[in-house]
Amino acid sequence: GGAEHALVVPCDVTAPADVERLFADAVGAFGRVDVL
């Protein structure tokens, strides 16, 4: 909904490369991951 602190990452959770990219993008954008 246009939220400032939302990061959209298209991802198929059955694809290992997609999942690795998801967390790399989250860490790259926000610096860490506190909760999955």
PDB file of all heavy atoms in Angstrom:
ATOM      1  N   GLY A   1       0.795  -1.222   0.000  1.00  0.00           N
ATOM      2  CA  GLY A   1       0.000   0.000   0.000  1.00  0.00           C
ATOM      3  C   GLY A   1       0.829   1.274   0.000  1.00  0.00           C
ATOM      4  O   GLY A   1       0.403   2.300   0.521  1.00  0.00           O
ATOM      5  N   GLY A   2       2.041   1.200  -0.573  1.00  0.00           N
ATOM      6  CA  GLY A   2       2.891   2.378  -0.630  1.00  0.00           C
ATOM      7  C   GLY A   2       3.592   2.720   0.668  1.00  0.00           C
ATOM      8  O   GLY A   2       4.183   3.803   0.789  1.00  0.00           O
ATOM      9  N   ALA A   3       3.565   1.821   1.643  1.00  0.00           N
ATOM     10  CA  ALA A   3       4.209   2.101   2.937  1.00  0.00           C
ATOM     11  C   ALA A   3       5.698   2.332   2.752  1.00  0.00           C
ATOM     12  O   ALA A   3       6.375   1.616   2.009  1.00  0.00           O
ATOM     13  CB  ALA A   3       3.970   0.938   3.893  1.00  0.00           C
ATOM     14  N   GLU A   4       6.217   3.317   3.454  1.00  0.00           N
ATOM     15  CA  GLU A   4       7.611   3.730   3.285  1.00  0.00           C
ATOM     16  C   GLU A   4       8.577   2.614   3.629  1.00  0.00           C
ATOM     17  O   GLU A   4       9.626   2.461   2.990  1.00  0.00           O
ATOM     18  CB  GLU A   4       7.882   4.941   4.178  1.00  0.00           C
ATOM     19  CG  GLU A   4       9.316   5.454   4.107  1.00  0.00           C
ATOM     20  CD  GLU A   4       9.557   6.614   5.042  1.00  0.00           C
ATOM     21  OE1 GLU A   4       8.604   7.038   5.745  1.00  0.00           O
ATOM     22  OE2 GLU A   4      10.716   7.105   5.085  1.00  0.00           O
ATOM     23  N   HIS A   5       8.264   1.815   4.618  1.00  0.00           N
ATOM     24  CA  HIS A   5       9.209   0.815   5.115  1.00  0.00           C
ATOM     25  C   HIS A   5       8.858  -0.601   4.663  1.00  0.00           C
ATOM     26  O   HIS A   5       9.202  -1.567   5.333  1.00  0.00           O
ATOM     27  CB  HIS A   5       9.281   0.883   6.636  1.00  0.00           C
ATOM     28  CG  HIS A   5       9.792   2.199   7.142  1.00  0.00           C
ATOM     29  ND1 HIS A   5      11.023   2.693   6.783  1.00  0.00           N
ATOM     30  CD2 HIS A   5       9.222   3.128   7.951  1.00  0.00           C
ATOM     31  CE1 HIS A   5      11.208   3.862   7.354  1.00  0.00           C
ATOM     32  NE2 HIS A   5      10.130   4.156   8.059  1.00  0.00           N
ATOM     33  N   ALA A   6       8.176  -0.700   3.515  1.00  0.00           N
ATOM     34  CA  ALA A   6       7.860  -2.003   2.932  1.00  0.00           C
ATOM     35  C   ALA A   6       8.790  -2.266   1.750  1.00  0.00           C
ATOM     36  O   ALA A   6       9.016  -1.393   0.915  1.00  0.00           O
ATOM     37  CB  ALA A   6       6.411  -2.041   2.472  1.00  0.00           C
ATOM     38  N   LEU A   7       9.346  -3.460   1.693  1.00  0.00           N
ATOM     39  CA  LEU A   7      10.199  -3.901   0.589  1.00  0.00           C
ATOM     40  C   LEU A   7       9.529  -5.073  -0.089  1.00  0.00           C
ATOM     41  O   LEU A   7       9.305  -6.121   0.538  1.00  0.00           O
ATOM     42  CB  LEU A   7      11.579  -4.309   1.111  1.00  0.00           C
ATOM     43  CG  LEU A   7      12.551  -4.911   0.086  1.00  0.00           C
ATOM     44  CD1 LEU A   7      12.994  -3.846  -0.920  1.00  0.00           C
ATOM     45  CD2 LEU A   7      13.751  -5.539   0.793  1.00  0.00           C
ATOM     46  N   VAL A   8       9.185  -4.941  -1.353  1.00  0.00           N
ATOM     47  CA  VAL A   8       8.532  -6.004  -2.117  1.00  0.00           C
ATOM     48  C   VAL A   8       9.589  -6.852  -2.802  1.00  0.00           C
ATOM     49  O   VAL A   8      10.416  -6.337  -3.558  1.00  0.00           O
ATOM     50  CB  VAL A   8       7.553  -5.405  -3.147  1.00  0.00           C
ATOM     51  CG1 VAL A   8       7.090  -6.467  -4.138  1.00  0.00           C
ATOM     52  CG2 VAL A   8       6.353  -4.779  -2.436  1.00  0.00           C
ATOM     53  N   VAL A   9       9.564  -8.159  -2.523  1.00  0.00           N
ATOM     54  CA  VAL A   9      10.531  -9.078  -3.113  1.00  0.00           C
ATOM     55  C   VAL A   9       9.787 -10.282  -3.679  1.00  0.00           C
ATOM     56  O   VAL A   9       9.428 -11.205  -2.943  1.00  0.00           O
ATOM     57  CB  VAL A   9      11.570  -9.559  -2.074  1.00  0.00           C
ATOM     58  CG1 VAL A   9      12.650 -10.395  -2.763  1.00  0.00           C
ATOM     59  CG2 VAL A   9      12.189  -8.391  -1.331  1.00  0.00           C
ATOM     60  N   PRO A  10       9.522 -10.308  -4.992  1.00  0.00           N
ATOM     61  CA  PRO A  10       8.915 -11.503  -5.579  1.00  0.00           C
ATOM     62  C   PRO A  10       9.792 -12.720  -5.318  1.00  0.00           C
ATOM     63  O   PRO A  10      11.011 -12.668  -5.488  1.00  0.00           O
ATOM     64  CB  PRO A  10       8.853 -11.163  -7.073  1.00  0.00           C
ATOM     65  CG  PRO A  10       8.864  -9.664  -7.120  1.00  0.00           C
ATOM     66  CD  PRO A  10       9.739  -9.239  -5.984  1.00  0.00           C
ATOM     67  N   CYS A  11       9.172 -13.815  -4.871  1.00  0.00           N
ATOM     68  CA  CYS A  11       9.965 -14.960  -4.425  1.00  0.00           C
ATOM     69  C   CYS A  11       9.116 -16.222  -4.465  1.00  0.00           C
ATOM     70  O   CYS A  11       7.970 -16.229  -4.007  1.00  0.00           O
ATOM     71  CB  CYS A  11      10.459 -14.723  -2.997  1.00  0.00           C
ATOM     72  SG  CYS A  11      11.314 -16.103  -2.239  1.00  0.00           S
ATOM     73  N   ASP A  12       9.689 -17.280  -5.012  1.00  0.00           N
ATOM     74  CA  ASP A  12       9.112 -18.618  -4.932  1.00  0.00           C
ATOM     75  C   ASP A  12       9.870 -19.359  -3.844  1.00  0.00           C
ATOM     76  O   ASP A  12      11.065 -19.646  -3.990  1.00  0.00           O
ATOM     77  CB  ASP A  12       9.264 -19.324  -6.287  1.00  0.00           C
ATOM     78  CG  ASP A  12       8.707 -20.735  -6.292  1.00  0.00           C
ATOM     79  OD1 ASP A  12       8.364 -21.266  -5.218  1.00  0.00           O
ATOM     80  OD2 ASP A  12       8.638 -21.340  -7.382  1.00  0.00           O
ATOM     81  N   VAL A  13       9.203 -19.676  -2.743  1.00  0.00           N
ATOM     82  CA  VAL A  13       9.916 -20.259  -1.602  1.00  0.00           C
ATOM     83  C   VAL A  13      10.438 -21.665  -1.883  1.00  0.00           C
ATOM     84  O   VAL A  13      11.241 -22.190  -1.106  1.00  0.00           O
ATOM     85  CB  VAL A  13       9.041 -20.281  -0.336  1.00  0.00           C
ATOM     86  CG1 VAL A  13       8.670 -18.867   0.089  1.00  0.00           C
ATOM     87  CG2 VAL A  13       7.810 -21.165  -0.507  1.00  0.00           C
ATOM     88  N   THR A  14       9.999 -22.289  -2.983  1.00  0.00           N
ATOM     89  CA  THR A  14      10.524 -23.611  -3.329  1.00  0.00           C
ATOM     90  C   THR A  14      11.826 -23.523  -4.110  1.00  0.00           C
ATOM     91  O   THR A  14      12.444 -24.559  -4.378  1.00  0.00           O
ATOM     92  CB  THR A  14       9.507 -24.414  -4.148  1.00  0.00           C
ATOM     93  OG1 THR A  14       9.365 -23.842  -5.458  1.00  0.00           O
ATOM     94  CG2 THR A  14       8.143 -24.450  -3.469  1.00  0.00           C
ATOM     95  N   ALA A  15      12.245 -22.315  -4.489  1.00  0.00           N
ATOM     96  CA  ALA A  15      13.461 -22.111  -5.288  1.00  0.00           C
ATOM     97  C   ALA A  15      14.571 -21.588  -4.387  1.00  0.00           C
ATOM     98  O   ALA A  15      14.498 -20.441  -3.925  1.00  0.00           O
ATOM     99  CB  ALA A  15      13.196 -21.130  -6.428  1.00  0.00           C
ATOM    100  N   PRO A  16      15.611 -22.372  -4.120  1.00  0.00           N
ATOM    101  CA  PRO A  16      16.671 -21.925  -3.208  1.00  0.00           C
ATOM    102  C   PRO A  16      17.288 -20.581  -3.587  1.00  0.00           C
ATOM    103  O   PRO A  16      17.555 -19.757  -2.705  1.00  0.00           O
ATOM    104  CB  PRO A  16      17.698 -23.067  -3.286  1.00  0.00           C
ATOM    105  CG  PRO A  16      16.894 -24.278  -3.624  1.00  0.00           C
ATOM    106  CD  PRO A  16      15.811 -23.784  -4.550  1.00  0.00           C
ATOM    107  N   ALA A  17      17.495 -20.336  -4.877  1.00  0.00           N
ATOM    108  CA  ALA A  17      18.108 -19.072  -5.284  1.00  0.00           C
ATOM    109  C   ALA A  17      17.190 -17.894  -4.966  1.00  0.00           C
ATOM    110  O   ALA A  17      17.666 -16.817  -4.556  1.00  0.00           O
ATOM    111  CB  ALA A  17      18.432 -19.101  -6.777  1.00  0.00           C
ATOM    112  N   ASP A  18      15.887 -18.069  -5.132  1.00  0.00           N
ATOM    113  CA  ASP A  18      14.939 -17.013  -4.785  1.00  0.00           C
ATOM    114  C   ASP A  18      14.991 -16.695  -3.296  1.00  0.00           C
ATOM    115  O   ASP A  18      14.960 -15.524  -2.883  1.00  0.00           O
ATOM    116  CB  ASP A  18      13.514 -17.440  -5.149  1.00  0.00           C
ATOM    117  CG  ASP A  18      13.150 -17.136  -6.590  1.00  0.00           C
ATOM    118  OD1 ASP A  18      14.072 -16.950  -7.413  1.00  0.00           O
ATOM    119  OD2 ASP A  18      11.939 -17.101  -6.902  1.00  0.00           O
ATOM    120  N   VAL A  19      15.056 -17.737  -2.481  1.00  0.00           N
ATOM    121  CA  VAL A  19      15.065 -17.542  -1.037  1.00  0.00           C
ATOM    122  C   VAL A  19      16.342 -16.826  -0.600  1.00  0.00           C
ATOM    123  O   VAL A  19      16.304 -15.907   0.227  1.00  0.00           O
ATOM    124  CB  VAL A  19      14.897 -18.881  -0.309  1.00  0.00           C
ATOM    125  CG1 VAL A  19      15.083 -18.710   1.199  1.00  0.00           C
ATOM    126  CG2 VAL A  19      13.526 -19.479  -0.614  1.00  0.00           C
ATOM    127  N   GLU A  20      17.473 -17.218  -1.159  1.00  0.00           N
ATOM    128  CA  GLU A  20      18.729 -16.547  -0.819  1.00  0.00           C
ATOM    129  C   GLU A  20      18.671 -15.073  -1.216  1.00  0.00           C
ATOM    130  O   GLU A  20      19.140 -14.200  -0.478  1.00  0.00           O
ATOM    131  CB  GLU A  20      19.905 -17.243  -1.506  1.00  0.00           C
ATOM    132  CG  GLU A  20      20.200 -18.630  -0.960  1.00  0.00           C
ATOM    133  CD  GLU A  20      20.526 -18.623   0.521  1.00  0.00           C
ATOM    134  OE1 GLU A  20      21.281 -17.738   0.977  1.00  0.00           O
ATOM    135  OE2 GLU A  20      20.000 -19.494   1.238  1.00  0.00           O
ATOM    136  N   ARG A  21      18.087 -14.786  -2.369  1.00  0.00           N
ATOM    137  CA  ARG A  21      17.965 -13.397  -2.816  1.00  0.00           C
ATOM    138  C   ARG A  21      17.033 -12.612  -1.905  1.00  0.00           C
ATOM    139  O   ARG A  21      17.284 -11.437  -1.597  1.00  0.00           O
ATOM    140  CB  ARG A  21      17.452 -13.361  -4.260  1.00  0.00           C
ATOM    141  CG  ARG A  21      17.242 -11.946  -4.806  1.00  0.00           C
ATOM    142  CD  ARG A  21      16.852 -11.972  -6.277  1.00  0.00           C
ATOM    143  NE  ARG A  21      15.773 -12.910  -6.555  1.00  0.00           N
ATOM    144  CZ  ARG A  21      14.479 -12.642  -6.334  1.00  0.00           C
ATOM    145  NH1 ARG A  21      14.118 -11.463  -5.837  1.00  0.00           N
ATOM    146  NH2 ARG A  21      13.551 -13.536  -6.618  1.00  0.00           N
ATOM    147  N   LEU A  22      15.958 -13.237  -1.436  1.00  0.00           N
ATOM    148  CA  LEU A  22      15.026 -12.577  -0.526  1.00  0.00           C
ATOM    149  C   LEU A  22      15.745 -12.059   0.711  1.00  0.00           C
ATOM    150  O   LEU A  22      15.596 -10.882   1.093  1.00  0.00           O
ATOM    151  CB  LEU A  22      13.913 -13.556  -0.129  1.00  0.00           C
ATOM    152  CG  LEU A  22      13.055 -13.183   1.085  1.00  0.00           C
ATOM    153  CD1 LEU A  22      12.286 -11.895   0.834  1.00  0.00           C
ATOM    154  CD2 LEU A  22      12.105 -14.340   1.427  1.00  0.00           C
ATOM    155  N   PHE A  23      16.545 -12.913   1.325  1.00  0.00           N
ATOM    156  CA  PHE A  23      17.204 -12.489   2.565  1.00  0.00           C
ATOM    157  C   PHE A  23      18.374 -11.552   2.298  1.00  0.00           C
ATOM    158  O   PHE A  23      18.637 -10.646   3.097  1.00  0.00           O
ATOM    159  CB  PHE A  23      17.600 -13.713   3.386  1.00  0.00           C
ATOM    160  CG  PHE A  23      16.416 -14.324   4.067  1.00  0.00           C
ATOM    161  CD1 PHE A  23      15.644 -15.281   3.429  1.00  0.00           C
ATOM    162  CD2 PHE A  23      16.033 -13.901   5.323  1.00  0.00           C
ATOM    163  CE1 PHE A  23      14.513 -15.814   4.037  1.00  0.00           C
ATOM    164  CE2 PHE A  23      14.910 -14.420   5.949  1.00  0.00           C
ATOM    165  CZ  PHE A  23      14.150 -15.386   5.301  1.00  0.00           C
ATOM    166  N   ALA A  24      19.037 -11.723   1.164  1.00  0.00           N
ATOM    167  CA  ALA A  24      20.093 -10.775   0.798  1.00  0.00           C
ATOM    168  C   ALA A  24      19.497  -9.390   0.564  1.00  0.00           C
ATOM    169  O   ALA A  24      20.064  -8.369   0.992  1.00  0.00           O
ATOM    170  CB  ALA A  24      20.828 -11.262  -0.446  1.00  0.00           C
ATOM    171  N   ASP A  25      18.328  -9.341  -0.084  1.00  0.00           N
ATOM    172  CA  ASP A  25      17.672  -8.055  -0.334  1.00  0.00           C
ATOM    173  C   ASP A  25      17.204  -7.417   0.977  1.00  0.00           C
ATOM    174  O   ASP A  25      17.323  -6.192   1.170  1.00  0.00           O
ATOM    175  CB  ASP A  25      16.478  -8.233  -1.268  1.00  0.00           C
ATOM    176  CG  ASP A  25      16.890  -8.478  -2.718  1.00  0.00           C
ATOM    177  OD1 ASP A  25      18.102  -8.456  -3.002  1.00  0.00           O
ATOM    178  OD2 ASP A  25      15.991  -8.705  -3.551  1.00  0.00           O
ATOM    179  N   ALA A  26      16.664  -8.230   1.880  1.00  0.00           N
ATOM    180  CA  ALA A  26      16.191  -7.692   3.157  1.00  0.00           C
ATOM    181  C   ALA A  26      17.351  -7.120   3.964  1.00  0.00           C
ATOM    182  O   ALA A  26      17.260  -6.004   4.498  1.00  0.00           O
ATOM    183  CB  ALA A  26      15.471  -8.781   3.946  1.00  0.00           C
ATOM    184  N   VAL A  27      18.448  -7.861   4.042  1.00  0.00           N
ATOM    185  CA  VAL A  27      19.617  -7.377   4.783  1.00  0.00           C
ATOM    186  C   VAL A  27      20.228  -6.165   4.089  1.00  0.00           C
ATOM    187  O   VAL A  27      20.639  -5.192   4.729  1.00  0.00           O
ATOM    188  CB  VAL A  27      20.655  -8.506   4.948  1.00  0.00           C
ATOM    189  CG1 VAL A  27      21.951  -7.963   5.544  1.00  0.00           C
ATOM    190  CG2 VAL A  27      20.094  -9.621   5.831  1.00  0.00           C
ATOM    191  N   GLY A  28      20.255  -6.204   2.750  1.00  0.00           N
ATOM    192  CA  GLY A  28      20.799  -5.072   2.014  1.00  0.00           C
ATOM    193  C   GLY A  28      19.997  -3.800   2.221  1.00  0.00           C
ATOM    194  O   GLY A  28      20.565  -2.702   2.323  1.00  0.00           O
ATOM    195  N   ALA A  29      18.683  -3.929   2.304  1.00  0.00           N
ATOM    196  CA  ALA A  29      17.833  -2.751   2.456  1.00  0.00           C
ATOM    197  C   ALA A  29      17.743  -2.275   3.897  1.00  0.00           C
ATOM    198  O   ALA A  29      17.720  -1.062   4.174  1.00  0.00           O
ATOM    199  CB  ALA A  29      16.427  -3.054   1.934  1.00  0.00           C
ATOM    200  N   PHE A  30      17.695  -3.208   4.844  1.00  0.00           N
ATOM    201  CA  PHE A  30      17.388  -2.858   6.225  1.00  0.00           C
ATOM    202  C   PHE A  30      18.523  -3.145   7.208  1.00  0.00           C
ATOM    203  O   PHE A  30      18.437  -2.753   8.375  1.00  0.00           O
ATOM    204  CB  PHE A  30      16.140  -3.612   6.686  1.00  0.00           C
ATOM    205  CG  PHE A  30      14.908  -3.300   5.885  1.00  0.00           C
ATOM    206  CD1 PHE A  30      14.044  -4.311   5.474  1.00  0.00           C
ATOM    207  CD2 PHE A  30      14.581  -1.996   5.555  1.00  0.00           C
ATOM    208  CE1 PHE A  30      12.892  -4.036   4.761  1.00  0.00           C
ATOM    209  CE2 PHE A  30      13.425  -1.707   4.828  1.00  0.00           C
ATOM    210  CZ  PHE A  30      12.581  -2.730   4.430  1.00  0.00           C
ATOM    211  N   GLY A  31      19.550  -3.872   6.779  1.00  0.00           N
ATOM    212  CA  GLY A  31      20.705  -4.098   7.641  1.00  0.00           C
ATOM    213  C   GLY A  31      20.692  -5.358   8.471  1.00  0.00           C
ATOM    214  O   GLY A  31      21.751  -5.815   8.913  1.00  0.00           O
ATOM    215  N   ARG A  32      19.502  -5.969   8.672  1.00  0.00           N
ATOM    216  CA  ARG A  32      19.420  -7.157   9.511  1.00  0.00           C
ATOM    217  C   ARG A  32      18.049  -7.808   9.329  1.00  0.00           C
ATOM    218  O   ARG A  32      17.191  -7.270   8.611  1.00  0.00           O
ATOM    219  CB  ARG A  32      19.658  -6.825  10.982  1.00  0.00           C
ATOM    220  CG  ARG A  32      18.672  -5.845  11.579  1.00  0.00           C
ATOM    221  CD  ARG A  32      19.012  -5.503  13.030  1.00  0.00           C
ATOM    222  NE  ARG A  32      18.784  -6.646  13.920  1.00  0.00           N
ATOM    223  CZ  ARG A  32      19.760  -7.317  14.531  1.00  0.00           C
ATOM    224  NH1 ARG A  32      21.021  -6.992  14.345  1.00  0.00           N
ATOM    225  NH2 ARG A  32      19.482  -8.319  15.354  1.00  0.00           N
ATOM    226  N   VAL A  33      17.841  -8.941   9.982  1.00  0.00           N
ATOM    227  CA  VAL A  33      16.532  -9.599  10.023  1.00  0.00           C
ATOM    228  C   VAL A  33      16.269  -9.982  11.477  1.00  0.00           C
ATOM    229  O   VAL A  33      17.021 -10.766  12.064  1.00  0.00           O
ATOM    230  CB  VAL A  33      16.477 -10.861   9.134  1.00  0.00           C
ATOM    231  CG1 VAL A  33      15.149 -11.594   9.334  1.00  0.00           C
ATOM    232  CG2 VAL A  33      16.663 -10.500   7.664  1.00  0.00           C
ATOM    233  N   ASP A  34      15.220  -9.420  12.068  1.00  0.00           N
ATOM    234  CA  ASP A  34      14.869  -9.741  13.448  1.00  0.00           C
ATOM    235  C   ASP A  34      13.839 -10.853  13.545  1.00  0.00           C
ATOM    236  O   ASP A  34      13.866 -11.640  14.494  1.00  0.00           O
ATOM    237  CB  ASP A  34      14.322  -8.492  14.151  1.00  0.00           C
ATOM    238  CG  ASP A  34      15.379  -7.413  14.278  1.00  0.00           C
ATOM    239  OD1 ASP A  34      16.365  -7.639  15.006  1.00  0.00           O
ATOM    240  OD2 ASP A  34      15.220  -6.357  13.634  1.00  0.00           O
ATOM    241  N   VAL A  35      12.923 -10.912  12.581  1.00  0.00           N
ATOM    242  CA  VAL A  35      11.833 -11.890  12.623  1.00  0.00           C
ATOM    243  C   VAL A  35      11.557 -12.411  11.226  1.00  0.00           C
ATOM    244  O   VAL A  35      11.528 -11.648  10.256  1.00  0.00           O
ATOM    245  CB  VAL A  35      10.539 -11.261  13.207  1.00  0.00           C
ATOM    246  CG1 VAL A  35       9.333 -12.163  12.970  1.00  0.00           C
ATOM    247  CG2 VAL A  35      10.694 -10.998  14.690  1.00  0.00           C
ATOM    248  N   LEU A  36      11.362 -13.719  11.123  1.00  0.00           N
ATOM    249  CA  LEU A  36      10.789 -14.340   9.933  1.00  0.00           C
ATOM    250  C   LEU A  36       9.429 -14.887  10.303  1.00  0.00           C
ATOM    251  O   LEU A  36       9.313 -15.689  11.246  1.00  0.00           O
ATOM    252  CB  LEU A  36      11.674 -15.474   9.425  1.00  0.00           C
ATOM    253  CG  LEU A  36      10.992 -16.459   8.443  1.00  0.00           C
ATOM    254  CD1 LEU A  36      10.609 -15.768   7.138  1.00  0.00           C
ATOM    255  CD2 LEU A  36      11.869 -17.682   8.195  1.00  0.00           C
TER     256      LEU A  36
END
